[in-house]
Amino acid sequence: MESPKETGCQAREGPILCVNNCGFFGSAATMNMCSKCHKDMILKQEQAKLAATSIENIVNGSSSNNDKEPAVAATIDVQTGSAELKVVSIETSADLASGQSSEMKPKEGPSRCNTCRKRVGLTGFNCKCGYLFCAVHRYSEKHDCPFDYKNAGRDAIAKANPVVMAEKLNKI
């Protein structure tokens, strides 16, 4: 048999594991990393560049940005190689005096049944009274619903079926 050098063909090597030891296979195009690790590395590099430029702008005192853009401060842990970003909003004293502070929406907790407080997630049932209930308490008689279904039904029927009155016939 001829050796690969004599034929001009290169022998294919086995698959290369990711250099981050995540268990997936890497490729030479992604610097011997799997696609997820490569994507994370590129994202961290972009965040580090953004943090460096924003810190440089803060240190230089350039307040040419009058449009309330948040400044990003970065802390980089050299041992683990991870980068953490903290967003700090900068508001001018004129904005604080005018009372136009940005209100943040409070984080909503998990959706729960209004009666038994059981977590319902996506399987919850919205009642006409405006509350969310689990499968057990979804019926109006199970959760003492204050909504008046009887009057709502009457109104719907009256609206769908208007009263029709024929003209009176003249007597001969």
Foldseek 3Di string as FASTA:
>chain_A
DDDCVVVVHDDDDDFQCAPVPPGHTADVVLVRHPPVVSVVVVVQVVVVVQQVVLVVCVVVVPPPPPPFDWGKHWDADPVVRDIDIDTHTDDDVVCVVVPVDDDDDDDDDAAAAPPPRHGAHPQWDADPLGHTHHPQQNDCVNRVRPDDPPVVVVVVVCVVDPDDDDDDDDDD
